[in-house]
Amino acid sequence: MKPEAPKDIDRIFAEEGYLITEAIRKGARDAILRHKQAGLPIVVWRDGKSVWIQPEEIDDYLAEQDARR
């Protein structure tokens, strides 16, 4: 078996970095939705301070985040 060539991390981020970013976004969204299902608030950074988002406001928060992209 031929040994694998070493990976160039800069090339990977340049060419495939969007996959990493999307995986992180999906994981964060899943965690936020689990908080909503459990009836738990989340904390976000907004206008230079920490803000609590109540479970019933999470859908609006996610829609706001989606609109920014």
Protein backbone atom coordinates (compact mmCIF):
# COMPACT_ATOMS: atom_id res chain seq x y z
CA MET A 1 0.00 0.00 0.00
CA LYS A 2 1.29 3.43 -0.95
CA PRO A 3 1.69 5.87 1.99
CA GLU A 4 -0.55 8.92 1.93
CA ALA A 5 1.06 12.24 1.00
CA PRO A 6 1.19 14.76 3.85
CA LYS A 7 -1.75 17.13 3.85
CA ASP A 8 -1.23 20.85 3.31
CA ILE A 9 -3.53 22.48 5.87
CA ASP A 10 -3.43 25.88 4.15
CA ARG A 11 -4.58 24.31 0.88
CA ILE A 12 -7.33 22.38 2.63
CA PHE A 13 -8.70 25.54 4.28
CA ALA A 14 -8.43 27.51 1.04
CA GLU A 15 -10.15 24.88 -1.08
CA GLU A 16 -12.45 23.15 1.40
CA GLY A 17 -12.76 25.56 4.32
CA TYR A 18 -16.43 26.18 3.54
CA LEU A 19 -17.13 22.56 4.49
CA ILE A 20 -15.66 23.15 7.94
CA THR A 21 -17.62 26.37 8.36
CA GLU A 22 -20.88 24.70 7.32
CA ALA A 23 -20.29 21.79 9.70
CA ILE A 24 -19.76 24.20 12.60
CA ARG A 25 -22.89 26.19 11.67
CA LYS A 26 -24.96 23.00 11.48
CA GLY A 27 -23.66 21.81 14.85
CA ALA A 28 -24.45 25.15 16.48
CA ARG A 29 -27.95 25.22 14.97
CA ASP A 30 -28.61 21.67 16.17
CA ALA A 31 -27.49 22.59 19.70
CA ILE A 32 -29.73 25.68 19.68
CA LEU A 33 -32.72 23.61 18.56
CA ARG A 34 -32.04 21.06 21.32
CA HIS A 35 -32.16 23.90 23.83
CA LYS A 36 -35.52 24.95 22.41
CA GLN A 37 -36.87 21.38 22.63
CA ALA A 38 -35.72 21.15 26.24
CA GLY A 39 -37.30 24.51 27.07
CA LEU A 40 -33.93 26.09 27.87
CA PRO A 41 -32.75 29.58 26.92
CA ILE A 42 -29.52 30.27 25.04
CA VAL A 43 -27.03 33.10 25.46
CA VAL A 44 -25.82 35.05 22.42
CA TRP A 45 -23.49 38.00 21.86
CA ARG A 46 -25.45 41.00 20.59
CA ASP A 47 -24.35 44.64 20.40
CA GLY A 48 -21.32 44.08 22.59
CA LYS A 49 -23.07 42.23 25.40
CA SER A 50 -24.47 38.84 26.40
CA VAL A 51 -28.20 38.47 25.83
CA TRP A 52 -30.51 35.65 26.91
CA ILE A 53 -32.81 34.28 24.20
CA GLN A 54 -35.81 32.47 25.65
CA PRO A 55 -36.93 29.16 24.07
CA GLU A 56 -40.03 30.75 22.54
CA GLU A 57 -37.80 33.36 20.80
CA ILE A 58 -35.30 30.88 19.32
CA ASP A 59 -37.11 30.48 15.96
CA ASP A 60 -37.02 34.26 15.48
CA TYR A 61 -33.32 34.33 16.42
CA LEU A 62 -32.49 31.59 13.90
CA ALA A 63 -34.49 33.35 11.17
CA GLU A 64 -32.56 36.54 11.92
CA GLN A 65 -29.26 34.66 11.61
CA ASP A 66 -30.34 33.03 8.33
CA ALA A 67 -31.28 36.44 6.90
CA ARG A 68 -27.77 37.74 7.62
CA ARG A 69 -26.21 35.15 5.31
